[in-house]
PDB file of all heavy atoms in Angstrom:
ATOM      1  N   ASP A   1     172.301  75.251  95.724  1.00  0.00           N
ATOM      2  CA  ASP A   1     171.582  76.387  95.187  1.00  0.00           C
ATOM      3  C   ASP A   1     170.746  76.980  96.335  1.00  0.00           C
ATOM      4  O   ASP A   1     169.817  76.307  96.844  1.00  0.00           O
ATOM      5  CB  ASP A   1     170.701  75.907  94.089  1.00  0.00           C
ATOM      6  CG  ASP A   1     169.851  76.993  93.465  1.00  0.00           C
ATOM      7  OD1 ASP A   1     169.906  78.125  93.926  1.00  0.00           O
ATOM      8  OD2 ASP A   1     169.114  76.681  92.466  1.00  0.00           O
ATOM      9  N   THR A   2     171.032  78.252  96.685  1.00  0.00           N
ATOM     10  CA  THR A   2     170.313  78.843  97.849  1.00  0.00           C
ATOM     11  C   THR A   2     168.859  79.250  97.531  1.00  0.00           C
ATOM     12  O   THR A   2     168.152  79.590  98.441  1.00  0.00           O
ATOM     13  CB  THR A   2     171.058  80.116  98.290  1.00  0.00           C
ATOM     14  OG1 THR A   2     171.132  81.046  97.212  1.00  0.00           O
ATOM     15  CG2 THR A   2     172.448  79.799  98.757  1.00  0.00           C
ATOM     16  N   THR A   3     168.446  79.135  96.287  1.00  0.00           N
ATOM     17  CA  THR A   3     167.050  79.425  95.960  1.00  0.00           C
ATOM     18  C   THR A   3     166.189  78.222  95.849  1.00  0.00           C
ATOM     19  O   THR A   3     164.929  78.359  95.689  1.00  0.00           O
ATOM     20  CB  THR A   3     166.997  80.230  94.651  1.00  0.00           C
ATOM     21  OG1 THR A   3     167.359  79.349  93.546  1.00  0.00           O
ATOM     22  CG2 THR A   3     167.923  81.386  94.611  1.00  0.00           C
ATOM     23  N   TRP A   4     166.751  77.067  95.908  1.00  0.00           N
ATOM     24  CA  TRP A   4     166.010  75.811  95.567  1.00  0.00           C
ATOM     25  C   TRP A   4     164.822  75.613  96.517  1.00  0.00           C
ATOM     26  O   TRP A   4     163.672  75.397  96.082  1.00  0.00           O
ATOM     27  CB  TRP A   4     166.913  74.578  95.708  1.00  0.00           C
ATOM     28  CG  TRP A   4     166.299  73.292  95.266  1.00  0.00           C
ATOM     29  CD1 TRP A   4     165.158  72.763  95.727  1.00  0.00           C
ATOM     30  CD2 TRP A   4     166.755  72.355  94.303  1.00  0.00           C
ATOM     31  NE1 TRP A   4     164.933  71.549  95.147  1.00  0.00           N
ATOM     32  CE2 TRP A   4     165.896  71.261  94.238  1.00  0.00           C
ATOM     33  CE3 TRP A   4     167.895  72.338  93.459  1.00  0.00           C
ATOM     34  CZ2 TRP A   4     166.079  70.233  93.360  1.00  0.00           C
ATOM     35  CZ3 TRP A   4     168.121  71.261  92.616  1.00  0.00           C
ATOM     36  CH2 TRP A   4     167.203  70.195  92.577  1.00  0.00           C
ATOM     37  N   GLU A   5     165.008  75.628  97.868  1.00  0.00           N
ATOM     38  CA  GLU A   5     163.981  75.327  98.768  1.00  0.00           C
ATOM     39  C   GLU A   5     162.791  76.292  98.683  1.00  0.00           C
ATOM     40  O   GLU A   5     161.638  75.901  98.840  1.00  0.00           O
ATOM     41  CB  GLU A   5     164.539  75.252 100.213  1.00  0.00           C
ATOM     42  CG  GLU A   5     165.455  74.092 100.452  1.00  0.00           C
ATOM     43  CD  GLU A   5     165.996  74.025 101.840  1.00  0.00           C
ATOM     44  OE1 GLU A   5     165.217  73.872 102.767  1.00  0.00           O
ATOM     45  OE2 GLU A   5     167.252  74.144 101.968  1.00  0.00           O
ATOM     46  N   ALA A   6     163.047  77.603  98.463  1.00  0.00           N
ATOM     47  CA  ALA A   6     161.974  78.533  98.314  1.00  0.00           C
ATOM     48  C   ALA A   6     161.211  78.284  97.042  1.00  0.00           C
ATOM     49  O   ALA A   6     160.006  78.337  97.008  1.00  0.00           O
ATOM     50  CB  ALA A   6     162.539  79.973  98.324  1.00  0.00           C
ATOM     51  N   ASN A   7     161.922  78.012  95.935  1.00  0.00           N
ATOM     52  CA  ASN A   7     161.255  77.813  94.671  1.00  0.00           C
ATOM     53  C   ASN A   7     160.446  76.552  94.588  1.00  0.00           C
ATOM     54  O   ASN A   7     159.409  76.460  93.959  1.00  0.00           O
ATOM     55  CB  ASN A   7     162.309  77.872  93.549  1.00  0.00           C
ATOM     56  CG  ASN A   7     162.884  79.233  93.302  1.00  0.00           C
ATOM     57  OD1 ASN A   7     162.259  80.240  93.540  1.00  0.00           O
ATOM     58  ND2 ASN A   7     164.105  79.293  92.817  1.00  0.00           N
ATOM     59  N   SER A   8     160.977  75.496  95.287  1.00  0.00           N
ATOM     60  CA  SER A   8     160.268  74.187  95.216  1.00  0.00           C
ATOM     61  C   SER A   8     159.011  74.181  96.032  1.00  0.00           C
ATOM     62  O   SER A   8     158.148  73.331  95.879  1.00  0.00           O
ATOM     63  CB  SER A   8     161.209  73.069  95.738  1.00  0.00           C
ATOM     64  OG  SER A   8     161.515  73.234  97.120  1.00  0.00           O
ATOM     65  N   SER A   9     158.838  75.246  96.913  1.00  0.00           N
ATOM     66  CA  SER A   9     157.643  75.226  97.735  1.00  0.00           C
ATOM     67  C   SER A   9     156.399  75.484  96.872  1.00  0.00           C
ATOM     68  O   SER A   9     155.260  75.378  97.380  1.00  0.00           O
ATOM     69  CB  SER A   9     157.743  76.375  98.796  1.00  0.00           C
ATOM     70  OG  SER A   9     157.805  77.622  98.181  1.00  0.00           O
ATOM     71  N   VAL A  10     156.533  75.793  95.569  1.00  0.00           N
ATOM     72  CA  VAL A  10     155.397  75.905  94.686  1.00  0.00           C
ATOM     73  C   VAL A  10     154.553  74.706  94.691  1.00  0.00           C
ATOM     74  O   VAL A  10     153.332  74.739  94.485  1.00  0.00           O
ATOM     75  CB  VAL A  10     155.925  76.264  93.285  1.00  0.00           C
ATOM     76  CG1 VAL A  10     156.629  75.138  92.629  1.00  0.00           C
ATOM     77  CG2 VAL A  10     154.702  76.664  92.368  1.00  0.00           C
ATOM     78  N   ALA A  11     155.166  73.480  94.902  1.00  0.00           N
ATOM     79  CA  ALA A  11     154.362  72.250  94.874  1.00  0.00           C
ATOM     80  C   ALA A  11     154.983  71.137  95.757  1.00  0.00           C
ATOM     81  O   ALA A  11     154.615  69.951  95.570  1.00  0.00           O
ATOM     82  CB  ALA A  11     154.347  71.738  93.427  1.00  0.00           C
ATOM     83  N   ALA A  12     155.835  71.514  96.720  1.00  0.00           N
ATOM     84  CA  ALA A  12     156.364  70.478  97.627  1.00  0.00           C
ATOM     85  C   ALA A  12     155.378  70.239  98.740  1.00  0.00           C
ATOM     86  O   ALA A  12     154.535  70.988  99.061  1.00  0.00           O
ATOM     87  CB  ALA A  12     157.693  70.955  98.176  1.00  0.00           C
ATOM     88  N   ILE A  13     155.552  68.999  99.412  1.00  0.00           N
ATOM     89  CA  ILE A  13     154.729  68.692 100.582  1.00  0.00           C
ATOM     90  C   ILE A  13     155.137  69.736 101.653  1.00  0.00           C
ATOM     91  O   ILE A  13     156.331  70.017 101.818  1.00  0.00           O
ATOM     92  CB  ILE A  13     155.029  67.284 101.053  1.00  0.00           C
ATOM     93  CG1 ILE A  13     154.620  66.275  99.954  1.00  0.00           C
ATOM     94  CG2 ILE A  13     154.292  66.957 102.355  1.00  0.00           C
ATOM     95  CD1 ILE A  13     154.906  64.890 100.276  1.00  0.00           C
ATOM     96  N   PRO A  14     154.173  70.277 102.398  1.00  0.00           N
ATOM     97  CA  PRO A  14     154.498  71.301 103.454  1.00  0.00           C
ATOM     98  C   PRO A  14     155.678  70.838 104.341  1.00  0.00           C
ATOM     99  O   PRO A  14     155.663  69.707 104.788  1.00  0.00           O
ATOM    100  CB  PRO A  14     153.187  71.496 104.142  1.00  0.00           C
ATOM    101  CG  PRO A  14     152.154  71.138 103.158  1.00  0.00           C
ATOM    102  CD  PRO A  14     152.745  70.025 102.334  1.00  0.00           C
ATOM    103  N   PHE A  15     156.519  71.743 104.655  1.00  0.00           N
ATOM    104  CA  PHE A  15     157.738  71.410 105.423  1.00  0.00           C
ATOM    105  C   PHE A  15     157.429  70.895 106.790  1.00  0.00           C
ATOM    106  O   PHE A  15     158.242  70.157 107.375  1.00  0.00           O
ATOM    107  CB  PHE A  15     158.705  72.569 105.478  1.00  0.00           C
ATOM    108  CG  PHE A  15     158.260  73.638 106.407  1.00  0.00           C
ATOM    109  CD1 PHE A  15     158.733  73.702 107.770  1.00  0.00           C
ATOM    110  CD2 PHE A  15     157.385  74.665 106.053  1.00  0.00           C
ATOM    111  CE1 PHE A  15     158.325  74.671 108.650  1.00  0.00           C
ATOM    112  CE2 PHE A  15     156.982  75.639 106.927  1.00  0.00           C
ATOM    113  CZ  PHE A  15     157.431  75.638 108.208  1.00  0.00           C
ATOM    114  N   ILE A  16     156.285  71.271 107.378  1.00  0.00           N
ATOM    115  CA  ILE A  16     155.985  70.778 108.714  1.00  0.00           C
ATOM    116  C   ILE A  16     155.741  69.287 108.765  1.00  0.00           C
ATOM    117  O   ILE A  16     155.783  68.643 109.784  1.00  0.00           O
ATOM    118  CB  ILE A  16     154.765  71.514 109.323  1.00  0.00           C
ATOM    119  CG1 ILE A  16     153.489  71.285 108.476  1.00  0.00           C
ATOM    120  CG2 ILE A  16     155.080  73.022 109.519  1.00  0.00           C
ATOM    121  CD1 ILE A  16     152.259  71.836 109.106  1.00  0.00           C
ATOM    122  N   PHE A  17     155.493  68.661 107.573  1.00  0.00           N
ATOM    123  CA  PHE A  17     155.276  67.213 107.471  1.00  0.00           C
ATOM    124  C   PHE A  17     156.517  66.517 106.898  1.00  0.00           C
ATOM    125  O   PHE A  17     156.956  65.507 107.420  1.00  0.00           O
ATOM    126  CB  PHE A  17     154.041  66.905 106.588  1.00  0.00           C
ATOM    127  CG  PHE A  17     152.764  67.368 107.192  1.00  0.00           C
ATOM    128  CD1 PHE A  17     152.159  68.550 106.703  1.00  0.00           C
ATOM    129  CD2 PHE A  17     152.120  66.690 108.178  1.00  0.00           C
ATOM    130  CE1 PHE A  17     150.971  68.974 107.192  1.00  0.00           C
ATOM    131  CE2 PHE A  17     150.927  67.075 108.669  1.00  0.00           C
ATOM    132  CZ  PHE A  17     150.304  68.294 108.191  1.00  0.00           C
ATOM    133  N   GLU A  18     157.027  67.025 105.795  1.00  0.00           N
ATOM    134  CA  GLU A  18     158.132  66.437 105.091  1.00  0.00           C
ATOM    135  C   GLU A  18     159.213  67.442 104.783  1.00  0.00           C
ATOM    136  O   GLU A  18     159.078  68.173 103.759  1.00  0.00           O
ATOM    137  CB  GLU A  18     157.673  65.719 103.828  1.00  0.00           C
ATOM    138  CG  GLU A  18     156.573  64.651 103.941  1.00  0.00           C
ATOM    139  CD  GLU A  18     157.187  63.289 104.289  1.00  0.00           C
ATOM    140  OE1 GLU A  18     158.360  63.239 104.676  1.00  0.00           O
ATOM    141  OE2 GLU A  18     156.535  62.270 104.043  1.00  0.00           O
ATOM    142  N   PRO A  19     160.192  67.686 105.627  1.00  0.00           N
ATOM    143  CA  PRO A  19     161.230  68.635 105.360  1.00  0.00           C
ATOM    144  C   PRO A  19     161.956  68.321 104.057  1.00  0.00           C
ATOM    145  O   PRO A  19     162.089  67.172 103.658  1.00  0.00           O
ATOM    146  CB  PRO A  19     162.189  68.532 106.602  1.00  0.00           C
ATOM    147  CG  PRO A  19     161.320  67.945 107.654  1.00  0.00           C
ATOM    148  CD  PRO A  19     160.348  67.025 106.943  1.00  0.00           C
ATOM    149  N   SER A  20     162.413  69.305 103.339  1.00  0.00           N
ATOM    150  CA  SER A  20     163.086  69.167 102.119  1.00  0.00           C
ATOM    151  C   SER A  20     164.345  68.326 102.284  1.00  0.00           C
ATOM    152  O   SER A  20     165.128  68.539 103.207  1.00  0.00           O
ATOM    153  CB  SER A  20     163.388  70.520 101.466  1.00  0.00           C
ATOM    154  OG  SER A  20     164.182  70.365 100.292  1.00  0.00           O
ATOM    155  N   PHE A  21     164.592  67.415 101.359  1.00  0.00           N
ATOM    156  CA  PHE A  21     165.837  66.654 101.361  1.00  0.00           C
ATOM    157  C   PHE A  21     166.981  67.427 100.709  1.00  0.00           C
ATOM    158  O   PHE A  21     168.127  67.125 100.892  1.00  0.00           O
ATOM    159  CB  PHE A  21     165.685  65.327 100.676  1.00  0.00           C
ATOM    160  CG  PHE A  21     165.060  64.264 101.518  1.00  0.00           C
ATOM    161  CD1 PHE A  21     163.705  64.041 101.550  1.00  0.00           C
ATOM    162  CD2 PHE A  21     165.853  63.428 102.332  1.00  0.00           C
ATOM    163  CE1 PHE A  21     163.093  63.088 102.340  1.00  0.00           C
ATOM    164  CE2 PHE A  21     165.282  62.474 103.140  1.00  0.00           C
ATOM    165  CZ  PHE A  21     163.868  62.289 103.118  1.00  0.00           C
ATOM    166  N   TYR A  22     166.546  68.417  99.885  1.00  0.00           N
ATOM    167  CA  TYR A  22     167.604  69.236  99.320  1.00  0.00           C
ATOM    168  C   TYR A  22     168.117  70.294 100.280  1.00  0.00           C
ATOM    169  O   TYR A  22     167.320  70.933 100.932  1.00  0.00           O
ATOM    170  CB  TYR A  22     167.050  69.950  98.016  1.00  0.00           C
ATOM    171  CG  TYR A  22     168.140  70.704  97.302  1.00  0.00           C
ATOM    172  CD1 TYR A  22     168.942  70.027  96.360  1.00  0.00           C
ATOM    173  CD2 TYR A  22     168.440  72.002  97.547  1.00  0.00           C
ATOM    174  CE1 TYR A  22     169.990  70.721  95.739  1.00  0.00           C
ATOM    175  CE2 TYR A  22     169.433  72.673  96.965  1.00  0.00           C
ATOM    176  CZ  TYR A  22     170.224  72.040  96.016  1.00  0.00           C
ATOM    177  OH  TYR A  22     171.273  72.665  95.450  1.00  0.00           O
ATOM    178  N   HIS A  23     169.426  70.473 100.331  1.00  0.00           N
ATOM    179  CA  HIS A  23     170.007  71.436 101.214  1.00  0.00           C
ATOM    180  C   HIS A  23     170.921  72.380 100.416  1.00  0.00           C
ATOM    181  O   HIS A  23     171.968  71.956  99.864  1.00  0.00           O
ATOM    182  CB  HIS A  23     170.787  70.716 102.346  1.00  0.00           C
ATOM    183  CG  HIS A  23     169.918  69.836 103.196  1.00  0.00           C
ATOM    184  ND1 HIS A  23     169.014  70.370 104.054  1.00  0.00           N
ATOM    185  CD2 HIS A  23     169.842  68.503 103.243  1.00  0.00           C
ATOM    186  CE1 HIS A  23     168.364  69.387 104.669  1.00  0.00           C
ATOM    187  NE2 HIS A  23     168.843  68.262 104.235  1.00  0.00           N
ATOM    188  N   GLY A  24     170.558  73.614 100.391  1.00  0.00           N
ATOM    189  CA  GLY A  24     171.330  74.633  99.714  1.00  0.00           C
ATOM    190  C   GLY A  24     171.253  75.963 100.367  1.00  0.00           C
ATOM    191  O   GLY A  24     170.739  76.938  99.847  1.00  0.00           O
ATOM    192  N   ARG A  25     171.720  76.064 101.633  1.00  0.00           N
ATOM    193  CA  ARG A  25     171.512  77.196 102.431  1.00  0.00           C
ATOM    194  C   ARG A  25     172.858  77.989 102.641  1.00  0.00           C
ATOM    195  O   ARG A  25     172.881  78.912 103.500  1.00  0.00           O
ATOM    196  CB  ARG A  25     170.867  76.825 103.756  1.00  0.00           C
ATOM    197  CG  ARG A  25     169.516  76.209 103.599  1.00  0.00           C
ATOM    198  CD  ARG A  25     168.852  75.943 104.927  1.00  0.00           C
ATOM    199  NE  ARG A  25     167.516  75.466 104.732  1.00  0.00           N
ATOM    200  CZ  ARG A  25     166.669  75.162 105.714  1.00  0.00           C
ATOM    201  NH1 ARG A  25     167.055  75.315 106.963  1.00  0.00           N
ATOM    202  NH2 ARG A  25     165.403  74.711 105.476  1.00  0.00           N
TER     203      ARG A  25
END
């Protein structure tokens, strides 16, 4: 899902510390 990483940023740990494990690019 190409929208997942943008939508999950609503409450995810900032990517500079913990990059998303979900990949949908």
